[in-house]
Amino acid sequence: MTAFEPSADIQAAPVVRALLDRDPSLRVVAWGGPRMEAAGAEIVERTSEDGVMGLAGFLKVFEMKRTIDRIDRWAAGHRVDLHVPVDSPSANFPICKRLRKRGATTVHLIAPKVWAWGHWRVRKLQRWSDHVLCNLPFEPEWFGRHGVDATFIGHPVLACPLDEATLETERGDLPSGGPRILILPGSRSGEIKGNLRHQFAAFTAIRERHPEATAVVLAANERIAAQVRGLVDPLPAGLVVKLDVLDAAISWADLALATSGTVSLDLTKQACPMIGSYAVPRWQTLVADIMVRIPFKLLPNIVAGEEVVPEFVPYVQSLGATPIIEAALPLLEDPTALAAMRGRLERVRAMFDGHDPATEAATVMLDRLDSRT
């Protein structure tokens, strides 16, 4: 298994556990992180903890090439029956090519988003993969039309059950008042720098109209919390920073202002109304218009095939908070609109019901190993 981001380590770990539960004789070897190791994988190198991903430009490319070479050298001395690349197609495609030449079967965990941009990359999947495991319900049909075997296994975010007792306890530490606004600035420093000030400005505008409004900014760790406090000092009145209480904060919120990403599915899980945004310089919006040829960019809207929630992804940074404010205020002042959005999100969530991603992924992988035998 080859994983190069923290999110990949998180998604791969339960699959490792499911594989070993089904067949303890398997040897699962990984380039990955601590969660995969805790699940039972033998870690050859730690590759999913910011290291390479934290580098920039040429340094990132050079270090990634060195990592790929080391994986190839390892595979030269160890027979690989099954290779499971986890997301990060730019890093994993070259590894797929090399390991398939050495006889490995390839099953992708997390489908590369070639349906969104870079359609030409599907040819690499045709050549260098045997099966693709999909987290989004429309993906198998798309891949099938392009000659790639694929299976929808559900999404781990939507499959993981909520602990109501824990939610109630953690909500007790969140501020009172209303309306309650959850701000989700992203997990990468560039995302936070580009979006947080706009989200804060939107909350300030909401509080001017609703003086009792309160907000929580959610940080995944202390490093992100420190960046949040450093970017906006002092923090706007009525706003607090909290660490690692995502599910409780979602259940507390009336409306989320979210930087576009997988967190939109965490919000969908609880049918929490949201506004998705991703502010970038103008030149980047022009590049996105050329590269990304899908009508929606926020995951709930992509899955539904229509605008379930307002999205500004991407939008020109110089517009400031204006698009977010113009979407948020009418929603907060119309309870029926918020209720209707919750209903639409519940319908999106239902499209993932009945799936256990880790178990279903393990089943496909073991079937492929059996077919080799």
Protein backbone atom coordinates (compact mmCIF):
# COMPACT_ATOMS: atom_id res chain seq x y z
CA MET A 1 0.00 0.00 0.00
CA THR A 2 1.34 3.44 -0.92
CA ALA A 3 -0.14 6.49 0.84
CA PHE A 4 1.31 10.00 0.78
CA GLU A 5 -1.08 12.23 2.74
CA PRO A 6 -2.58 12.14 6.25
CA SER A 7 -6.05 11.68 4.76
CA ALA A 8 -4.81 8.62 2.85
CA ASP A 9 -3.37 7.14 6.07
CA ILE A 10 -6.77 7.63 7.73
CA GLN A 11 -8.72 5.98 4.91
CA ALA A 12 -6.31 3.09 4.40
CA ALA A 13 -6.06 2.06 8.07
CA PRO A 14 -9.49 0.42 8.41
CA VAL A 15 -8.88 -1.44 5.13
CA VAL A 16 -5.63 -2.83 6.54
CA ARG A 17 -7.53 -3.97 9.62
CA ALA A 18 -10.32 -5.56 7.56
CA LEU A 19 -7.82 -7.43 5.37
CA LEU A 20 -5.96 -8.87 8.35
CA ASP A 21 -9.20 -9.75 10.14
CA ARG A 22 -10.26 -11.76 7.11
CA ASP A 23 -6.84 -13.35 6.49
CA PRO A 24 -4.24 -13.01 9.28
CA SER A 25 -1.65 -14.75 7.07
CA LEU A 26 -1.46 -11.75 4.74
CA ARG A 27 1.64 -9.59 4.85
CA VAL A 28 0.56 -5.97 4.43
CA VAL A 29 3.55 -3.72 3.69
CA ALA A 30 3.07 0.03 3.44
CA TRP A 31 4.53 3.38 2.71
CA GLY A 32 2.16 5.26 4.95
CA GLY A 33 1.56 6.58 8.43
CA PRO A 34 0.83 5.79 12.06
CA ARG A 35 -2.80 4.75 11.61
CA MET A 36 -1.89 2.15 9.02
CA GLU A 37 0.86 0.88 11.32
CA ALA A 38 -1.53 0.68 14.28
CA ALA A 39 -3.95 -1.31 12.08
CA GLY A 40 -1.27 -3.94 11.43
CA ALA A 41 0.66 -2.78 8.37
CA GLU A 42 4.43 -3.16 8.25
CA ILE A 43 5.64 0.38 7.57
CA VAL A 44 8.71 0.57 5.36
CA GLU A 45 8.76 4.41 5.32
CA ARG A 46 6.62 7.10 6.91
CA THR A 47 5.27 8.99 3.89
CA SER A 48 1.94 10.47 5.00
CA GLU A 49 2.88 12.99 7.67
CA ASP A 50 3.51 16.25 5.84
CA GLY A 51 7.15 15.41 4.84
CA VAL A 52 7.14 15.43 1.04
CA MET A 53 3.73 17.09 0.83
CA GLY A 54 5.05 20.00 2.87
CA LEU A 55 7.85 20.72 0.40
CA ALA A 56 7.39 23.05 -2.53
CA GLY A 57 8.09 23.01 -6.26
CA PHE A 58 11.22 21.25 -7.42
CA LEU A 59 12.08 19.93 -3.95
CA LYS A 60 8.76 18.07 -3.76
CA VAL A 61 9.18 16.55 -7.23
CA PHE A 62 12.79 15.53 -6.53
CA GLU A 63 12.03 13.91 -3.16
CA MET A 64 8.98 12.12 -4.58
CA LYS A 65 11.11 10.70 -7.40
CA ARG A 66 13.60 9.40 -4.82
CA THR A 67 10.76 7.77 -2.86
CA ILE A 68 9.43 6.08 -6.00
CA ASP A 69 12.90 4.75 -6.78
CA ARG A 70 13.21 3.31 -3.26
CA ILE A 71 9.83 1.58 -3.57
CA ASP A 72 10.87 0.09 -6.89
CA ARG A 73 14.17 -1.16 -5.45
CA TRP A 74 12.29 -2.74 -2.52
CA ALA A 75 9.88 -4.44 -4.92
CA ALA A 76 12.81 -5.87 -6.88
CA GLY A 77 13.66 -8.00 -3.85
CA HIS A 78 10.13 -8.72 -2.57
CA ARG A 79 7.31 -10.19 -4.64
CA VAL A 80 4.31 -7.85 -4.63
CA ASP A 81 1.05 -9.70 -5.35
CA LEU A 82 -1.26 -6.73 -4.85
CA HIS A 83 -0.45 -3.02 -4.99
CA VAL A 84 -2.98 -0.65 -3.39
CA PRO A 85 -2.27 3.00 -4.28
CA VAL A 86 -4.21 5.32 -1.96
CA ASP A 87 -5.23 8.62 -3.57
CA SER A 88 -2.35 11.01 -4.67
CA PRO A 89 -2.42 9.93 -8.35
CA SER A 90 0.53 12.13 -9.35
CA ALA A 91 2.72 10.18 -6.91
CA ASN A 92 1.05 6.80 -7.30
CA PHE A 93 0.72 6.50 -11.09
CA PRO A 94 4.50 6.11 -11.59
CA ILE A 95 4.56 3.47 -8.84
CA CYS A 96 1.66 1.61 -10.48
CA LYS A 97 3.57 1.56 -13.77
CA ARG A 98 6.72 0.12 -12.18
CA LEU A 99 5.01 -2.47 -9.96
CA ARG A 100 2.77 -3.76 -12.75
CA LYS A 101 5.91 -4.39 -14.80
CA ARG A 102 7.02 -6.54 -11.86
CA GLY A 103 3.76 -8.52 -12.00
CA ALA A 104 1.63 -6.85 -9.31
CA THR A 105 -2.15 -6.61 -9.51
CA THR A 106 -3.32 -3.02 -8.87
CA VAL A 107 -6.45 -1.97 -6.98
CA HIS A 108 -6.84 1.78 -6.38
CA LEU A 109 -8.28 2.79 -3.04
CA ILE A 110 -9.94 6.21 -3.61
CA ALA A 111 -10.66 6.77 -7.28
CA PRO A 112 -8.47 9.39 -8.98
CA LYS A 113 -10.72 12.35 -9.85
CA VAL A 114 -10.05 12.09 -13.56
CA TRP A 115 -13.76 12.75 -14.21
CA ALA A 116 -13.24 16.28 -12.85
CA TRP A 117 -10.05 17.31 -14.61
CA GLY A 118 -7.34 15.77 -16.74
CA HIS A 119 -9.58 13.23 -18.51
CA TRP A 120 -6.52 12.04 -20.46
CA ARG A 121 -5.26 10.44 -17.23
CA VAL A 122 -7.90 7.73 -17.53
CA ARG A 123 -5.59 6.09 -20.08
CA LYS A 124 -3.11 5.51 -17.24
CA LEU A 125 -5.81 3.71 -15.29
CA GLN A 126 -6.62 1.57 -18.32
CA ARG A 127 -2.97 0.54 -18.63
CA TRP A 128 -1.84 0.37 -15.02
CA SER A 129 -4.80 -0.76 -12.95
CA ASP A 130 -7.04 -3.79 -12.53
CA HIS A 131 -9.76 -2.23 -10.39
CA VAL A 132 -10.74 1.12 -8.90
CA LEU A 133 -12.60 1.45 -5.58
CA CYS A 134 -14.90 4.49 -5.62
CA ASN A 135 -16.15 6.64 -2.76
CA LEU A 136 -18.78 8.50 -4.82
CA PRO A 137 -21.86 6.74 -6.23
CA PHE A 138 -21.67 8.03 -9.81
CA GLU A 139 -18.00 7.06 -10.33
CA PRO A 140 -18.32 3.34 -11.32
CA GLU A 141 -20.60 4.19 -14.24
CA TRP A 142 -18.17 6.90 -15.44
CA PHE A 143 -15.14 4.62 -15.18
CA GLY A 144 -17.04 1.76 -16.82
CA ARG A 145 -17.76 3.94 -19.84
CA HIS A 146 -14.01 4.54 -20.06
CA GLY A 147 -13.00 0.88 -19.89
CA VAL A 148 -11.98 0.71 -16.23
CA ASP A 149 -13.45 -1.82 -13.76
CA ALA A 150 -14.76 0.01 -10.70
CA THR A 151 -16.88 -0.59 -7.59
CA PHE A 152 -18.70 1.88 -5.32
CA ILE A 153 -17.83 1.05 -1.70
CA GLY A 154 -19.31 4.10 0.06
CA HIS A 155 -17.42 6.84 1.86
CA PRO A 156 -15.72 6.38 5.25
CA VAL A 157 -16.87 9.79 6.45
CA LEU A 158 -20.51 8.88 5.91
CA ALA A 159 -20.15 5.28 7.09
CA CYS A 160 -18.65 6.06 10.49
CA PRO A 161 -21.44 6.15 13.14
CA LEU A 162 -21.89 9.13 15.44
CA ASP A 163 -21.59 8.74 19.22
CA GLU A 164 -24.52 10.77 20.53
CA ALA A 165 -23.28 10.73 24.13
CA THR A 166 -19.91 12.17 23.08
CA LEU A 167 -21.62 14.79 20.92
CA GLU A 168 -23.77 15.93 23.83
CA THR A 169 -20.77 16.18 26.18
CA GLU A 170 -18.63 18.12 23.67
CA ARG A 171 -21.48 20.46 22.73
CA GLY A 172 -21.55 21.57 26.35
CA ASP A 173 -18.19 23.33 25.81
CA LEU A 174 -19.41 25.29 22.79
CA PRO A 175 -20.75 28.84 23.11
CA SER A 176 -24.41 29.78 23.53
CA GLY A 177 -26.22 32.41 21.48
CA GLY A 178 -27.49 32.36 17.96
CA PRO A 179 -27.47 32.00 15.10
CA ARG A 180 -24.57 29.57 15.54
CA ILE A 181 -21.93 29.71 12.80
CA LEU A 182 -19.26 27.05 12.25
CA ILE A 183 -16.17 28.20 10.35
CA LEU A 184 -14.07 25.50 8.69
CA PRO A 185 -11.01 27.18 7.15
CA GLY A 186 -9.30 24.06 5.75
CA SER A 187 -6.33 21.97 6.81
CA ARG A 188 -3.51 23.34 4.66
CA SER A 189 -1.77 26.60 5.46
CA GLY A 190 -2.40 28.03 1.98
CA GLU A 191 -6.13 27.29 2.22
CA ILE A 192 -6.37 28.92 5.63
CA LYS A 193 -4.44 32.01 4.55
CA GLY A 194 -6.60 32.41 1.44
CA ASN A 195 -10.01 31.86 3.02
CA LEU A 196 -10.06 32.56 6.75
CA ARG A 197 -10.20 36.37 6.64
CA HIS A 198 -13.16 36.23 4.27
CA GLN A 199 -14.98 33.78 6.54
CA PHE A 200 -14.28 36.01 9.56
CA ALA A 201 -15.55 39.05 7.65
CA ALA A 202 -18.72 37.16 6.77
CA PHE A 203 -19.29 36.31 10.42
CA THR A 204 -18.74 39.95 11.40
CA ALA A 205 -21.43 40.96 8.90
CA ILE A 206 -23.78 38.31 10.30
CA ARG A 207 -23.16 39.57 13.83
CA GLU A 208 -23.92 43.15 12.80
CA ARG A 209 -27.37 41.96 11.69
CA HIS A 210 -27.73 39.43 14.55
CA PRO A 211 -25.89 40.74 17.65
CA GLU A 212 -26.30 37.45 19.54
CA ALA A 213 -24.62 35.43 16.79
CA THR A 214 -21.74 33.24 17.88
CA ALA A 215 -19.11 31.30 15.94
CA VAL A 216 -16.67 28.43 16.37
CA VAL A 217 -13.57 28.15 14.21
CA LEU A 218 -12.53 24.52 14.11
CA ALA A 219 -8.84 23.64 13.98
CA ALA A 220 -7.69 20.05 13.49
CA ASN A 221 -4.58 20.58 15.63
CA GLU A 222 -2.68 23.20 17.63
CA ARG A 223 -0.53 24.19 14.64
CA ILE A 224 -3.63 25.21 12.70
CA ALA A 225 -5.10 26.93 15.77
CA ALA A 226 -1.93 29.00 16.12
CA GLN A 227 -2.11 29.96 12.45
CA VAL A 228 -5.74 31.02 12.86
CA ARG A 229 -4.91 33.24 15.83
CA GLY A 230 -1.89 34.66 14.06
CA LEU A 231 -3.76 35.64 10.90
CA VAL A 232 -6.54 37.55 12.67
CA ASP A 233 -5.60 39.25 15.92
CA PRO A 234 -7.73 40.08 17.78
CA LEU A 235 -10.39 37.55 16.89
CA PRO A 236 -13.84 38.97 16.05
CA ALA A 237 -16.23 39.34 18.97
CA GLY A 238 -18.39 36.29 19.58
CA LEU A 239 -15.89 33.88 18.02
CA VAL A 240 -13.84 31.12 19.65
CA VAL A 241 -11.28 28.62 18.34
CA LYS A 242 -11.78 24.95 19.18
CA LEU A 243 -9.66 21.88 18.56
CA ASP A 244 -10.77 18.52 17.17
CA VAL A 245 -14.50 18.49 17.98
CA LEU A 246 -15.73 18.37 14.38
CA ASP A 247 -18.84 16.21 14.79
CA ALA A 248 -19.99 18.04 17.93
CA ALA A 249 -19.44 21.44 16.29
CA ILE A 250 -21.44 20.34 13.24
CA SER A 251 -24.34 19.17 15.42
CA TRP A 252 -24.18 22.54 17.26
CA ALA A 253 -24.19 24.75 14.16
CA ASP A 254 -27.07 26.42 12.34
CA LEU A 255 -24.86 27.18 9.33
CA ALA A 256 -21.30 26.26 8.31
CA LEU A 257 -18.95 28.42 6.28
CA ALA A 258 -16.66 25.77 4.82
CA THR A 259 -13.56 25.87 2.70
CA SER A 260 -14.23 23.36 -0.08
CA GLY A 261 -13.03 19.82 0.64
CA THR A 262 -14.02 16.49 2.16
CA VAL A 263 -15.37 18.32 5.22
CA SER A 264 -18.46 19.08 3.12
CA LEU A 265 -19.30 15.38 3.45
CA ASP A 266 -18.88 15.57 7.24
CA LEU A 267 -21.48 18.34 7.11
CA THR A 268 -23.70 16.30 4.77
CA LYS A 269 -23.58 13.41 7.24
CA GLN A 270 -25.54 15.53 9.75
CA ALA A 271 -27.45 17.49 7.07
CA CYS A 272 -25.88 20.71 8.35
CA PRO A 273 -26.62 23.71 6.09
CA MET A 274 -23.45 25.09 4.56
CA ILE A 275 -21.90 27.57 2.18
CA GLY A 276 -18.82 26.25 0.39
CA SER A 277 -16.11 28.60 -0.83
CA TYR A 278 -12.52 28.60 -2.01
CA ALA A 279 -10.96 32.01 -2.66
CA VAL A 280 -7.95 32.15 -4.99
CA PRO A 281 -6.16 34.80 -7.09
CA ARG A 282 -7.90 35.66 -10.36
CA TRP A 283 -5.34 33.83 -12.50
CA GLN A 284 -6.07 30.60 -10.65
CA THR A 285 -9.79 30.88 -11.37
CA LEU A 286 -8.95 31.21 -15.07
CA VAL A 287 -6.82 28.05 -14.91
CA ALA A 288 -9.60 26.22 -13.02
CA ASP A 289 -12.15 27.20 -15.69
CA ILE A 290 -9.91 25.61 -18.32
CA MET A 291 -8.88 22.50 -16.37
CA VAL A 292 -12.03 21.58 -14.42
CA ARG A 293 -14.92 20.75 -16.71
CA ILE A 294 -17.69 19.85 -14.25
CA PRO A 295 -20.61 22.13 -13.35
CA PHE A 296 -20.12 21.82 -9.57
CA LYS A 297 -17.01 21.59 -7.39
CA LEU A 298 -18.44 21.05 -3.89
CA LEU A 299 -18.93 17.36 -3.11
CA PRO A 300 -22.64 17.39 -2.08
CA ASN A 301 -23.48 19.25 -5.29
CA ILE A 302 -21.28 16.94 -7.40
CA VAL A 303 -23.01 13.86 -5.97
CA ALA A 304 -26.50 15.34 -6.36
CA GLY A 305 -25.82 16.72 -9.84
CA GLU A 306 -27.43 20.00 -8.82
CA GLU A 307 -26.83 22.90 -6.45
CA VAL A 308 -27.92 21.52 -3.10
CA VAL A 309 -25.95 24.19 -1.20
CA PRO A 310 -24.42 27.51 -2.33
CA GLU A 311 -20.88 27.14 -3.59
CA PHE A 312 -18.25 29.67 -4.61
CA VAL A 313 -15.52 27.27 -5.69
CA PRO A 314 -13.31 28.85 -6.77
CA TYR A 315 -14.01 32.56 -6.57
CA VAL A 316 -11.80 35.59 -7.06
CA GLN A 317 -10.05 36.52 -3.84
CA SER A 318 -10.50 40.26 -4.46
CA LEU A 319 -14.28 39.88 -4.03
CA GLY A 320 -13.63 39.45 -0.30
CA ALA A 321 -16.51 38.12 1.78
CA THR A 322 -19.28 39.57 -0.39
CA PRO A 323 -20.47 36.29 -2.04
CA ILE A 324 -20.54 34.48 1.30
CA ILE A 325 -22.42 37.30 3.05
CA GLU A 326 -24.99 37.58 0.26
CA ALA A 327 -25.71 33.84 0.51
CA ALA A 328 -25.61 33.58 4.32
CA LEU A 329 -27.89 36.40 5.44
CA PRO A 330 -31.00 35.32 3.48
CA LEU A 331 -30.54 31.73 4.68
CA LEU A 332 -30.25 32.72 8.33
CA GLU A 333 -33.34 34.91 8.06
CA ASP A 334 -35.50 32.23 6.40
CA PRO A 335 -35.98 29.09 8.53
CA THR A 336 -37.85 27.36 5.70
CA ALA A 337 -34.84 27.77 3.40
CA LEU A 338 -32.54 26.21 6.02
CA ALA A 339 -35.00 23.34 6.52
CA ALA A 340 -35.23 22.77 2.77
CA MET A 341 -31.42 22.61 2.53
CA ARG A 342 -31.34 20.05 5.33
CA GLY A 343 -33.83 17.94 3.42
CA ARG A 344 -31.74 18.06 0.24
CA LEU A 345 -28.61 17.10 2.18
CA GLU A 346 -30.43 14.15 3.76
CA ARG A 347 -31.26 12.88 0.27
CA VAL A 348 -27.59 13.11 -0.71
CA ARG A 349 -26.58 11.27 2.46
CA ALA A 350 -29.06 8.47 1.69
CA MET A 351 -27.15 7.71 -1.53
CA PHE A 352 -24.33 6.31 0.67
CA ASP A 353 -26.50 4.22 2.99
CA GLY A 354 -25.81 0.52 3.43
CA HIS A 355 -22.10 0.57 2.60
CA ASP A 356 -19.14 -0.41 4.77
CA PRO A 357 -16.12 0.93 2.81
CA ALA A 358 -13.39 -0.98 4.64
CA THR A 359 -15.14 -4.36 4.43
CA GLU A 360 -16.15 -3.89 0.82
CA ALA A 361 -12.66 -2.75 -0.17
CA ALA A 362 -11.11 -5.79 1.55
CA THR A 363 -13.53 -8.10 -0.28
CA VAL A 364 -12.51 -6.75 -3.69
CA MET A 365 -8.80 -6.97 -2.82
CA LEU A 366 -9.04 -10.54 -1.55
CA ASP A 367 -11.02 -11.55 -4.63
CA ARG A 368 -8.23 -10.16 -6.80
CA LEU A 369 -5.63 -12.10 -4.81
CA ASP A 370 -7.73 -15.26 -5.16
CA SER A 371 -7.96 -14.77 -8.92
CA ARG A 372 -4.16 -14.60 -9.09
CA THR A 373 -3.95 -17.91 -7.29
